[in-house]
Amino acid sequence: MSGRELAEMDDETLRERVESVDVFARTAPEHKVRILRALQANGHRVAMTGDGVNDAPALKHADIGVAMGMRGTDVAKQASDIVLLDDDYATIERAVERGRAIFDNVWKFVAYLLSANVAEVAIVFVASLFGYLVLPAVQLLWINLLTDGLPAVALGADSASGDVMDRPPRDPDRGIVDRGMLGLMSGMGTVSTLVMLGLLVLTLDGAPAVTPYAMTMVFTGFVAIEFEKLYVIRWLRETPTFANPWLAGAVAVSALLQLAVLYTPLNEYFGTVPLGPADWGLVGAVLAVSLPAYLAVAVVVGRWDRATR
């Protein structure tokens, strides 16, 4: 379509034609603004690239204005959101991919930590209603600072998932903590709470107060299911399981630190006792019970998230 044809067309007709026209030729600056506004009115997110003074109005009104850094004018650069330093369009694609990967990593970080904190609060609260003190302050701090902290930070080094460039643009008004995130937090938090309370009842064996053994089992079981939950959350975002050596190292270090508070003199400060093979078998059973429940929550949340993108 030529600029002359476009000038004779009203906005409503342009909105219809803009979906089928691939090339607009001999357009004036005001024509470019009309084109991008027609696309925006149809629900598209519009990026505009340009290098000249005539491109400045469209660069300013686009959702993302991209000016050429090498041959672009100062006016175009000032009107744009992004300056492409190497003038290579492939750089835009790489930047989009990296930006989406960063958002995914932030999402996984927030989902992991918040779901863990919800479970911690719920376990302590529900157990206290029945007069049991489980997970004292020093153990909660240990979980938050080391067992949760190191793997959560390592999530920042996750590579992009395989479908990251197949997704439609994310709604800029949709925050990280949306209904999907809240559903994931509440669902996984509920699973963790029920499983850990079941472990507490099993290890108490009718005792009137929390024994050091029961406390140690709940403490260790909670750490173990947090590691399990971490990989379920990464699976939800289709992140390659073994693609992040930093995460594997962080989980290994956290696991060794957990063993240190069980089998070294540090256990006096944490109120823990050493665990035997049968006890570790029970921890394994806890992981086997919680994994299908975590996956079910992830599948439901994943379907809702894809349906609302």
C-alpha atoms as a PDB file:
ATOM      1  CA  MET A   1       0.000   0.000   0.000  1.00  0.00           C
ATOM      2  CA  SER A   2       1.308   3.430  -0.865  1.00  0.00           C
ATOM      3  CA  GLY A   3       1.195   6.488   1.336  1.00  0.00           C
ATOM      4  CA  ARG A   4      -1.283   8.113  -1.068  1.00  0.00           C
ATOM      5  CA  GLU A   5      -3.749   5.235  -0.661  1.00  0.00           C
ATOM      6  CA  LEU A   6      -3.284   5.297   3.083  1.00  0.00           C
ATOM      7  CA  ALA A   7      -3.971   9.056   3.250  1.00  0.00           C
ATOM      8  CA  GLU A   8      -7.354   8.540   1.549  1.00  0.00           C
ATOM      9  CA  MET A   9      -8.380   5.818   3.984  1.00  0.00           C
ATOM     10  CA  ASP A  10     -10.256   6.365   7.269  1.00  0.00           C
ATOM     11  CA  ASP A  11      -8.981   4.859  10.530  1.00  0.00           C
ATOM     12  CA  GLU A  12     -11.560   2.074  10.666  1.00  0.00           C
ATOM     13  CA  THR A  13     -10.706   0.848   7.171  1.00  0.00           C
ATOM     14  CA  LEU A  14      -7.002   1.104   7.954  1.00  0.00           C
ATOM     15  CA  ARG A  15      -7.490  -1.101  11.022  1.00  0.00           C
ATOM     16  CA  GLU A  16      -8.912  -3.806   8.782  1.00  0.00           C
ATOM     17  CA  ARG A  17      -6.354  -3.469   5.969  1.00  0.00           C
ATOM     18  CA  VAL A  18      -3.316  -3.250   8.227  1.00  0.00           C
ATOM     19  CA  GLU A  19      -3.700  -6.923   9.107  1.00  0.00           C
ATOM     20  CA  SER A  20      -3.156  -8.047   5.517  1.00  0.00           C
ATOM     21  CA  VAL A  21      -0.711  -5.470   4.127  1.00  0.00           C
ATOM     22  CA  ASP A  22       2.955  -6.436   4.434  1.00  0.00           C
ATOM     23  CA  VAL A  23       4.645  -3.360   2.917  1.00  0.00           C
ATOM     24  CA  PHE A  24       3.746   0.346   3.133  1.00  0.00           C
ATOM     25  CA  ALA A  25       5.679   2.438   0.608  1.00  0.00           C
ATOM     26  CA  ARG A  26       6.306   6.187   0.275  1.00  0.00           C
ATOM     27  CA  THR A  27       4.812   7.003   3.660  1.00  0.00           C
ATOM     28  CA  ALA A  28       5.034  10.331   5.478  1.00  0.00           C
ATOM     29  CA  PRO A  29       5.807  10.593   9.236  1.00  0.00           C
ATOM     30  CA  GLU A  30       2.110  10.950  10.071  1.00  0.00           C
ATOM     31  CA  HIS A  31       1.334   7.821   8.063  1.00  0.00           C
ATOM     32  CA  LYS A  32       3.726   5.764  10.188  1.00  0.00           C
ATOM     33  CA  VAL A  33       1.981   6.954  13.337  1.00  0.00           C
ATOM     34  CA  ARG A  34      -1.410   6.005  11.884  1.00  0.00           C
ATOM     35  CA  ILE A  35      -0.136   2.547  10.941  1.00  0.00           C
ATOM     36  CA  LEU A  36       1.213   1.764  14.381  1.00  0.00           C
ATOM     37  CA  ARG A  37      -1.894   3.147  16.097  1.00  0.00           C
ATOM     38  CA  ALA A  38      -4.049   0.936  13.884  1.00  0.00           C
ATOM     39  CA  LEU A  39      -1.973  -2.072  14.904  1.00  0.00           C
ATOM     40  CA  GLN A  40      -2.216  -1.083  18.572  1.00  0.00           C
ATOM     41  CA  ALA A  41      -5.980  -0.676  18.252  1.00  0.00           C
ATOM     42  CA  ASN A  42      -6.107  -4.277  17.001  1.00  0.00           C
ATOM     43  CA  GLY A  43      -4.373  -5.456  20.172  1.00  0.00           C
ATOM     44  CA  HIS A  44      -0.801  -5.743  18.873  1.00  0.00           C
ATOM     45  CA  ARG A  45       2.380  -4.668  20.661  1.00  0.00           C
ATOM     46  CA  VAL A  46       4.228  -2.554  18.117  1.00  0.00           C
ATOM     47  CA  ALA A  47       7.971  -2.054  17.816  1.00  0.00           C
ATOM     48  CA  MET A  48       9.255   0.701  15.531  1.00  0.00           C
ATOM     49  CA  THR A  49      12.787   0.916  14.203  1.00  0.00           C
ATOM     50  CA  GLY A  50      14.171   4.047  12.605  1.00  0.00           C
ATOM     51  CA  ASP A  51      17.177   6.275  12.159  1.00  0.00           C
ATOM     52  CA  GLY A  52      15.961   9.615  10.784  1.00  0.00           C
ATOM     53  CA  VAL A  53      14.164  12.713  11.987  1.00  0.00           C
ATOM     54  CA  ASN A  54      11.033  11.620  10.110  1.00  0.00           C
ATOM     55  CA  ASP A  55      10.907   8.424  12.192  1.00  0.00           C
ATOM     56  CA  ALA A  56      10.864  10.268  15.531  1.00  0.00           C
ATOM     57  CA  PRO A  57       7.037  10.629  15.890  1.00  0.00           C
ATOM     58  CA  ALA A  58       6.481   6.912  15.291  1.00  0.00           C
ATOM     59  CA  LEU A  59       9.387   5.962  17.542  1.00  0.00           C
ATOM     60  CA  LYS A  60       7.815   8.053  20.294  1.00  0.00           C
ATOM     61  CA  HIS A  61       4.323   6.529  19.967  1.00  0.00           C
ATOM     62  CA  ALA A  62       5.373   2.901  19.511  1.00  0.00           C
ATOM     63  CA  ASP A  63       5.287   0.455  22.436  1.00  0.00           C
ATOM     64  CA  ILE A  64       9.019  -0.013  21.867  1.00  0.00           C
ATOM     65  CA  GLY A  65      10.953   2.519  19.821  1.00  0.00           C
ATOM     66  CA  VAL A  66      14.330   1.268  18.563  1.00  0.00           C
ATOM     67  CA  ALA A  67      16.785   3.765  17.067  1.00  0.00           C
ATOM     68  CA  MET A  68      19.891   2.881  15.111  1.00  0.00           C
ATOM     69  CA  GLY A  69      22.991   3.694  17.139  1.00  0.00           C
ATOM     70  CA  MET A  70      25.547   3.917  14.340  1.00  0.00           C
ATOM     71  CA  ARG A  71      23.671   5.823  11.630  1.00  0.00           C
ATOM     72  CA  GLY A  72      20.731   7.143  13.646  1.00  0.00           C
ATOM     73  CA  THR A  73      20.183  10.858  14.231  1.00  0.00           C
ATOM     74  CA  ASP A  74      20.194  12.345  17.730  1.00  0.00           C
ATOM     75  CA  VAL A  75      16.486  13.132  17.400  1.00  0.00           C
ATOM     76  CA  ALA A  76      15.665   9.491  16.667  1.00  0.00           C
ATOM     77  CA  LYS A  77      17.792   8.280  19.584  1.00  0.00           C
ATOM     78  CA  GLN A  78      16.139  10.692  22.021  1.00  0.00           C
ATOM     79  CA  ALA A  79      12.636   9.674  20.879  1.00  0.00           C
ATOM     80  CA  SER A  80      13.300   5.928  21.210  1.00  0.00           C
ATOM     81  CA  ASP A  81      13.259   3.533  24.142  1.00  0.00           C
ATOM     82  CA  ILE A  82      16.236   1.503  22.937  1.00  0.00           C
ATOM     83  CA  VAL A  83      19.328   2.425  20.931  1.00  0.00           C
ATOM     84  CA  LEU A  84      20.675  -0.452  18.838  1.00  0.00           C
ATOM     85  CA  LEU A  85      24.418   0.110  19.040  1.00  0.00           C
ATOM     86  CA  ASP A  86      25.439  -2.291  16.255  1.00  0.00           C
ATOM     87  CA  ASP A  87      22.468  -1.554  13.912  1.00  0.00           C
ATOM     88  CA  ASP A  88      21.945  -5.327  13.618  1.00  0.00           C
ATOM     89  CA  TYR A  89      18.321  -6.492  13.746  1.00  0.00           C
ATOM     90  CA  ALA A  90      19.430  -9.912  15.013  1.00  0.00           C
ATOM     91  CA  THR A  91      20.512  -8.170  18.207  1.00  0.00           C
ATOM     92  CA  ILE A  92      16.871  -7.281  18.871  1.00  0.00           C
ATOM     93  CA  GLU A  93      15.898 -10.936  18.741  1.00  0.00           C
ATOM     94  CA  ARG A  94      18.713 -11.913  21.091  1.00  0.00           C
ATOM     95  CA  ALA A  95      17.730  -9.125  23.483  1.00  0.00           C
ATOM     96  CA  VAL A  96      14.094 -10.270  23.531  1.00  0.00           C
ATOM     97  CA  GLU A  97      15.180 -13.843  24.231  1.00  0.00           C
ATOM     98  CA  ARG A  98      17.489 -12.757  27.048  1.00  0.00           C
ATOM     99  CA  GLY A  99      14.872 -10.441  28.529  1.00  0.00           C
ATOM    100  CA  ARG A 100      12.270 -13.207  28.607  1.00  0.00           C
ATOM    101  CA  ALA A 101      14.800 -15.577  30.184  1.00  0.00           C
ATOM    102  CA  ILE A 102      15.566 -13.007  32.893  1.00  0.00           C
ATOM    103  CA  PHE A 103      11.856 -12.565  33.593  1.00  0.00           C
ATOM    104  CA  ASP A 104      11.440 -16.340  33.853  1.00  0.00           C
ATOM    105  CA  ASN A 105      14.315 -16.551  36.329  1.00  0.00           C
ATOM    106  CA  VAL A 106      12.848 -13.781  38.470  1.00  0.00           C
ATOM    107  CA  TRP A 107       9.476 -15.548  38.333  1.00  0.00           C
ATOM    108  CA  LYS A 108      11.005 -18.846  39.471  1.00  0.00           C
ATOM    109  CA  PHE A 109      12.962 -17.095  42.229  1.00  0.00           C
ATOM    110  CA  VAL A 110       9.840 -15.417  43.616  1.00  0.00           C
ATOM    111  CA  ALA A 111       7.675 -18.537  43.265  1.00  0.00           C
ATOM    112  CA  TYR A 112      10.244 -20.705  45.047  1.00  0.00           C
ATOM    113  CA  LEU A 113      10.865 -18.400  47.990  1.00  0.00           C
ATOM    114  CA  LEU A 114       7.273 -17.316  48.565  1.00  0.00           C
ATOM    115  CA  SER A 115       5.893 -20.851  48.402  1.00  0.00           C
ATOM    116  CA  ALA A 116       8.554 -21.945  50.905  1.00  0.00           C
ATOM    117  CA  ASN A 117       7.718 -19.092  53.272  1.00  0.00           C
ATOM    118  CA  VAL A 118       3.981 -19.815  53.043  1.00  0.00           C
ATOM    119  CA  ALA A 119       4.645 -23.433  54.029  1.00  0.00           C
ATOM    120  CA  GLU A 120       6.943 -22.454  56.911  1.00  0.00           C
ATOM    121  CA  VAL A 121       4.386 -20.081  58.391  1.00  0.00           C
ATOM    122  CA  ALA A 122       1.537 -22.566  57.939  1.00  0.00           C
ATOM    123  CA  ILE A 123       3.432 -25.467  59.537  1.00  0.00           C
ATOM    124  CA  VAL A 124       4.456 -23.442  62.582  1.00  0.00           C
ATOM    125  CA  PHE A 125       0.991 -21.919  62.949  1.00  0.00           C
ATOM    126  CA  VAL A 126      -0.993 -25.148  62.653  1.00  0.00           C
ATOM    127  CA  ALA A 127       1.364 -27.084  64.937  1.00  0.00           C
ATOM    128  CA  SER A 128       1.204 -24.327  67.565  1.00  0.00           C
ATOM    129  CA  LEU A 129      -2.594 -24.590  67.624  1.00  0.00           C
ATOM    130  CA  PHE A 130      -2.137 -28.111  69.000  1.00  0.00           C
ATOM    131  CA  GLY A 131       0.543 -27.008  71.461  1.00  0.00           C
ATOM    132  CA  TYR A 132       3.587 -28.229  69.516  1.00  0.00           C
ATOM    133  CA  LEU A 133       6.647 -26.070  68.898  1.00  0.00           C
ATOM    134  CA  VAL A 134       8.122 -27.240  65.596  1.00  0.00           C
ATOM    135  CA  LEU A 135      10.826 -25.565  63.496  1.00  0.00           C
ATOM    136  CA  PRO A 136      12.262 -23.171  66.082  1.00  0.00           C
ATOM    137  CA  ALA A 137      13.705 -19.815  65.040  1.00  0.00           C
ATOM    138  CA  VAL A 138      17.258 -21.037  64.436  1.00  0.00           C
ATOM    139  CA  GLN A 139      16.035 -23.747  62.048  1.00  0.00           C
ATOM    140  CA  LEU A 140      13.762 -21.338  60.177  1.00  0.00           C
ATOM    141  CA  LEU A 141      16.674 -18.932  59.735  1.00  0.00           C
ATOM    142  CA  TRP A 142      18.848 -21.793  58.510  1.00  0.00           C
ATOM    143  CA  ILE A 143      16.254 -22.765  55.900  1.00  0.00           C
ATOM    144  CA  ASN A 144      15.784 -19.177  54.708  1.00  0.00           C
ATOM    145  CA  LEU A 145      19.399 -18.032  54.648  1.00  0.00           C
ATOM    146  CA  LEU A 146      21.205 -21.108  53.384  1.00  0.00           C
ATOM    147  CA  THR A 147      19.019 -23.997  52.279  1.00  0.00           C
ATOM    148  CA  ASP A 148      16.582 -21.749  50.337  1.00  0.00           C
ATOM    149  CA  GLY A 149      18.897 -18.822  49.713  1.00  0.00           C
ATOM    150  CA  LEU A 150      21.749 -20.418  47.763  1.00  0.00           C
ATOM    151  CA  PRO A 151      19.594 -22.344  45.248  1.00  0.00           C
ATOM    152  CA  ALA A 152      17.273 -19.361  44.797  1.00  0.00           C
ATOM    153  CA  VAL A 153      20.179 -17.073  43.896  1.00  0.00           C
ATOM    154  CA  ALA A 154      21.564 -19.711  41.522  1.00  0.00           C
ATOM    155  CA  LEU A 155      18.280 -19.616  39.601  1.00  0.00           C
ATOM    156  CA  GLY A 156      19.525 -16.353  38.103  1.00  0.00           C
ATOM    157  CA  ALA A 157      21.985 -18.364  35.997  1.00  0.00           C
ATOM    158  CA  ASP A 158      19.294 -20.531  34.407  1.00  0.00           C
ATOM    159  CA  SER A 159      19.360 -20.625  30.616  1.00  0.00           C
ATOM    160  CA  ALA A 160      16.338 -19.753  28.487  1.00  0.00           C
ATOM    161  CA  SER A 161      13.667 -22.411  28.118  1.00  0.00           C
ATOM    162  CA  GLY A 162      13.061 -24.003  24.743  1.00  0.00           C
ATOM    163  CA  ASP A 163       9.751 -22.236  24.109  1.00  0.00           C
ATOM    164  CA  VAL A 164      10.764 -18.765  25.230  1.00  0.00           C
ATOM    165  CA  MET A 165      10.574 -17.280  21.700  1.00  0.00           C
ATOM    166  CA  ASP A 166       7.348 -19.084  20.824  1.00  0.00           C
ATOM    167  CA  ARG A 167       5.325 -17.256  23.473  1.00  0.00           C
ATOM    168  CA  PRO A 168       3.218 -14.208  22.710  1.00  0.00           C
ATOM    169  CA  PRO A 169       4.268 -10.899  24.305  1.00  0.00           C
ATOM    170  CA  ARG A 170       3.541 -10.683  28.017  1.00  0.00           C
ATOM    171  CA  ASP A 171       0.902  -8.196  29.112  1.00  0.00           C
ATOM    172  CA  PRO A 172       2.891  -5.280  30.603  1.00  0.00           C
ATOM    173  CA  ASP A 173       0.121  -4.699  33.155  1.00  0.00           C
ATOM    174  CA  ARG A 174       0.455  -8.248  34.462  1.00  0.00           C
ATOM    175  CA  GLY A 175       2.882  -8.411  37.379  1.00  0.00           C
ATOM    176  CA  ILE A 176       4.989 -11.305  38.592  1.00  0.00           C
ATOM    177  CA  VAL A 177       2.713 -12.065  41.537  1.00  0.00           C
ATOM    178  CA  ASP A 178      -0.509 -12.637  39.593  1.00  0.00           C
ATOM    179  CA  ARG A 179      -3.311 -15.142  40.105  1.00  0.00           C
ATOM    180  CA  GLY A 180      -1.195 -17.932  38.640  1.00  0.00           C
ATOM    181  CA  MET A 181       1.617 -17.190  41.074  1.00  0.00           C
ATOM    182  CA  LEU A 182      -0.817 -17.008  43.996  1.00  0.00           C
ATOM    183  CA  GLY A 183      -2.317 -20.335  42.937  1.00  0.00           C
ATOM    184  CA  LEU A 184       1.136 -21.905  42.768  1.00  0.00           C
ATOM    185  CA  MET A 185       2.098 -20.516  46.175  1.00  0.00           C
ATOM    186  CA  SER A 186      -1.086 -21.644  47.886  1.00  0.00           C
ATOM    187  CA  GLY A 187      -1.151 -25.037  46.156  1.00  0.00           C
ATOM    188  CA  MET A 188       2.464 -25.968  46.821  1.00  0.00           C
ATOM    189  CA  GLY A 189       2.335 -24.391  50.274  1.00  0.00           C
ATOM    190  CA  THR A 190      -0.680 -26.545  51.134  1.00  0.00           C
ATOM    191  CA  VAL A 191       1.056 -29.697  49.898  1.00  0.00           C
ATOM    192  CA  SER A 192       4.188 -28.921  51.934  1.00  0.00           C
ATOM    193  CA  THR A 193       2.149 -28.163  55.045  1.00  0.00           C
ATOM    194  CA  LEU A 194       0.049 -31.337  54.888  1.00  0.00           C
ATOM    195  CA  VAL A 195       3.033 -33.574  54.167  1.00  0.00           C
ATOM    196  CA  MET A 196       5.130 -32.080  56.950  1.00  0.00           C
ATOM    197  CA  LEU A 197       2.304 -32.208  59.476  1.00  0.00           C
ATOM    198  CA  GLY A 198       1.803 -35.856  58.554  1.00  0.00           C
ATOM    199  CA  LEU A 199       5.512 -36.482  59.115  1.00  0.00           C
ATOM    200  CA  LEU A 200       5.282 -34.690  62.465  1.00  0.00           C
ATOM    201  CA  VAL A 201       2.365 -36.840  63.621  1.00  0.00           C
ATOM    202  CA  LEU A 202       4.151 -39.996  62.469  1.00  0.00           C
ATOM    203  CA  THR A 203       7.426 -39.199  64.233  1.00  0.00           C
ATOM    204  CA  LEU A 204       5.813 -37.912  67.433  1.00  0.00           C
ATOM    205  CA  ASP A 205       4.227 -41.321  67.979  1.00  0.00           C
ATOM    206  CA  GLY A 206       1.839 -39.927  70.582  1.00  0.00           C
ATOM    207  CA  ALA A 207       4.412 -37.908  72.542  1.00  0.00           C
ATOM    208  CA  PRO A 208       2.919 -34.921  74.429  1.00  0.00           C
ATOM    209  CA  ALA A 209       5.647 -32.560  73.169  1.00  0.00           C
ATOM    210  CA  VAL A 210       7.899 -32.305  70.140  1.00  0.00           C
ATOM    211  CA  THR A 211      10.922 -34.517  70.639  1.00  0.00           C
ATOM    212  CA  PRO A 212      14.363 -33.672  69.211  1.00  0.00           C
ATOM    213  CA  TYR A 213      13.931 -36.629  66.823  1.00  0.00           C
ATOM    214  CA  ALA A 214      10.570 -35.413  65.514  1.00  0.00           C
ATOM    215  CA  MET A 215      11.905 -31.871  65.165  1.00  0.00           C
ATOM    216  CA  THR A 216      14.928 -33.140  63.248  1.00  0.00           C
ATOM    217  CA  MET A 217      12.762 -35.195  60.893  1.00  0.00           C
ATOM    218  CA  VAL A 218      10.467 -32.278  60.106  1.00  0.00           C
ATOM    219  CA  PHE A 219      13.446 -29.952  59.679  1.00  0.00           C
ATOM    220  CA  THR A 220      15.266 -32.333  57.327  1.00  0.00           C
ATOM    221  CA  GLY A 221      12.111 -33.352  55.484  1.00  0.00           C
ATOM    222  CA  PHE A 222      11.235 -29.732  54.847  1.00  0.00           C
ATOM    223  CA  VAL A 223      14.696 -29.039  53.418  1.00  0.00           C
ATOM    224  CA  ALA A 224      14.410 -32.100  51.153  1.00  0.00           C
ATOM    225  CA  ILE A 225      10.999 -31.208  49.717  1.00  0.00           C
ATOM    226  CA  GLU A 226      12.199 -27.648  49.098  1.00  0.00           C
ATOM    227  CA  PHE A 227      14.905 -29.027  46.811  1.00  0.00           C
ATOM    228  CA  GLU A 228      12.256 -31.152  45.103  1.00  0.00           C
ATOM    229  CA  LYS A 229       9.928 -28.182  44.713  1.00  0.00           C
ATOM    230  CA  LEU A 230      12.743 -26.146  43.167  1.00  0.00           C
ATOM    231  CA  TYR A 231      13.060 -28.522  40.221  1.00  0.00           C
ATOM    232  CA  VAL A 232       9.281 -28.766  39.798  1.00  0.00           C
ATOM    233  CA  ILE A 233       9.066 -24.962  39.476  1.00  0.00           C
ATOM    234  CA  ARG A 234      11.868 -25.012  36.898  1.00  0.00           C
ATOM    235  CA  TRP A 235      10.035 -27.782  35.025  1.00  0.00           C
ATOM    236  CA  LEU A 236       6.920 -25.612  34.966  1.00  0.00           C
ATOM    237  CA  ARG A 237       8.877 -22.998  32.985  1.00  0.00           C
ATOM    238  CA  GLU A 238      10.362 -25.727  30.747  1.00  0.00           C
ATOM    239  CA  THR A 239      13.890 -25.060  31.967  1.00  0.00           C
ATOM    240  CA  PRO A 240      16.417 -27.792  31.086  1.00  0.00           C
ATOM    241  CA  THR A 241      16.970 -29.843  34.247  1.00  0.00           C
ATOM    242  CA  PHE A 242      20.761 -30.127  34.161  1.00  0.00           C
ATOM    243  CA  ALA A 243      21.610 -26.963  32.218  1.00  0.00           C
ATOM    244  CA  ASN A 244      22.659 -24.896  35.254  1.00  0.00           C
ATOM    245  CA  PRO A 245      25.836 -26.129  37.007  1.00  0.00           C
ATOM    246  CA  TRP A 246      25.602 -23.237  39.476  1.00  0.00           C
ATOM    247  CA  LEU A 247      22.249 -24.507  40.681  1.00  0.00           C
ATOM    248  CA  ALA A 248      23.531 -28.054  41.018  1.00  0.00           C
ATOM    249  CA  GLY A 249      26.466 -26.726  43.034  1.00  0.00           C
ATOM    250  CA  ALA A 250      24.199 -24.611  45.244  1.00  0.00           C
ATOM    251  CA  VAL A 251      21.928 -27.589  45.990  1.00  0.00           C
ATOM    252  CA  ALA A 252      24.959 -29.771  46.745  1.00  0.00           C
ATOM    253  CA  VAL A 253      26.457 -27.172  49.105  1.00  0.00           C
ATOM    254  CA  SER A 254      23.116 -26.667  50.838  1.00  0.00           C
ATOM    255  CA  ALA A 255      22.712 -30.438  51.253  1.00  0.00           C
ATOM    256  CA  LEU A 256      26.187 -30.737  52.754  1.00  0.00           C
ATOM    257  CA  LEU A 257      25.459 -27.883  55.149  1.00  0.00           C
ATOM    258  CA  GLN A 258      22.258 -29.656  56.190  1.00  0.00           C
ATOM    259  CA  LEU A 259      24.214 -32.838  56.872  1.00  0.00           C
ATOM    260  CA  ALA A 260      26.668 -30.774  58.918  1.00  0.00           C
ATOM    261  CA  VAL A 261      23.960 -29.655  61.329  1.00  0.00           C
ATOM    262  CA  LEU A 262      22.919 -33.287  61.773  1.00  0.00           C
ATOM    263  CA  TYR A 263      26.226 -35.100  62.151  1.00  0.00           C
ATOM    264  CA  THR A 264      28.647 -32.540  63.607  1.00  0.00           C
ATOM    265  CA  PRO A 265      28.737 -30.718  66.961  1.00  0.00           C
ATOM    266  CA  LEU A 266      26.628 -28.015  65.276  1.00  0.00           C
ATOM    267  CA  ASN A 267      23.593 -30.154  66.109  1.00  0.00           C
ATOM    268  CA  GLU A 268      23.790 -28.883  69.697  1.00  0.00           C
ATOM    269  CA  TYR A 269      23.019 -25.357  68.479  1.00  0.00           C
ATOM    270  CA  PHE A 270      20.218 -26.462  66.159  1.00  0.00           C
ATOM    271  CA  GLY A 271      18.533 -28.935  68.487  1.00  0.00           C
ATOM    272  CA  THR A 272      18.901 -31.805  66.013  1.00  0.00           C
ATOM    273  CA  VAL A 273      19.962 -35.435  66.350  1.00  0.00           C
ATOM    274  CA  PRO A 274      21.696 -37.737  63.849  1.00  0.00           C
ATOM    275  CA  LEU A 275      19.405 -39.727  61.577  1.00  0.00           C
ATOM    276  CA  GLY A 276      19.776 -43.400  60.672  1.00  0.00           C
ATOM    277  CA  PRO A 277      19.142 -45.240  57.393  1.00  0.00           C
ATOM    278  CA  ALA A 278      15.515 -45.955  58.273  1.00  0.00           C
ATOM    279  CA  ASP A 279      14.966 -42.263  58.938  1.00  0.00           C
ATOM    280  CA  TRP A 280      16.372 -41.343  55.533  1.00  0.00           C
ATOM    281  CA  GLY A 281      14.078 -43.921  54.012  1.00  0.00           C
ATOM    282  CA  LEU A 282      11.157 -42.089  55.612  1.00  0.00           C
ATOM    283  CA  VAL A 283      12.430 -38.813  54.145  1.00  0.00           C
ATOM    284  CA  GLY A 284      12.535 -40.538  50.752  1.00  0.00           C
ATOM    285  CA  ALA A 285       8.933 -41.637  51.234  1.00  0.00           C
ATOM    286  CA  VAL A 286       7.994 -38.027  51.958  1.00  0.00           C
ATOM    287  CA  LEU A 287       9.593 -36.987  48.660  1.00  0.00           C
ATOM    288  CA  ALA A 288       7.742 -39.748  46.811  1.00  0.00           C
ATOM    289  CA  VAL A 289       4.401 -38.606  48.267  1.00  0.00           C
ATOM    290  CA  SER A 290       4.901 -34.885  47.677  1.00  0.00           C
ATOM    291  CA  LEU A 291       6.276 -35.060  44.106  1.00  0.00           C
ATOM    292  CA  PRO A 292       3.018 -36.093  42.357  1.00  0.00           C
ATOM    293  CA  ALA A 293       1.120 -33.447  44.315  1.00  0.00           C
ATOM    294  CA  TYR A 294       3.623 -30.738  43.338  1.00  0.00           C
ATOM    295  CA  LEU A 295       3.444 -31.807  39.710  1.00  0.00           C
ATOM    296  CA  ALA A 296      -0.357 -31.736  39.769  1.00  0.00           C
ATOM    297  CA  VAL A 297      -0.324 -28.163  41.110  1.00  0.00           C
ATOM    298  CA  ALA A 298       2.251 -27.170  38.471  1.00  0.00           C
ATOM    299  CA  VAL A 299       0.175 -28.684  35.645  1.00  0.00           C
ATOM    300  CA  VAL A 300      -2.986 -26.860  36.725  1.00  0.00           C
ATOM    301  CA  VAL A 301      -1.181 -23.543  37.119  1.00  0.00           C
ATOM    302  CA  GLY A 302       0.680 -24.034  33.820  1.00  0.00           C
ATOM    303  CA  ARG A 303      -2.535 -24.645  31.903  1.00  0.00           C
ATOM    304  CA  TRP A 304      -4.151 -21.569  33.423  1.00  0.00           C
ATOM    305  CA  ASP A 305      -1.069 -19.465  32.699  1.00  0.00           C
ATOM    306  CA  ARG A 306      -0.982 -20.483  29.024  1.00  0.00           C
ATOM    307  CA  ALA A 307      -4.734 -19.890  28.682  1.00  0.00           C
ATOM    308  CA  THR A 308      -4.482 -16.341  30.014  1.00  0.00           C
ATOM    309  CA  ARG A 309      -1.388 -15.159  28.134  1.00  0.00           C
END
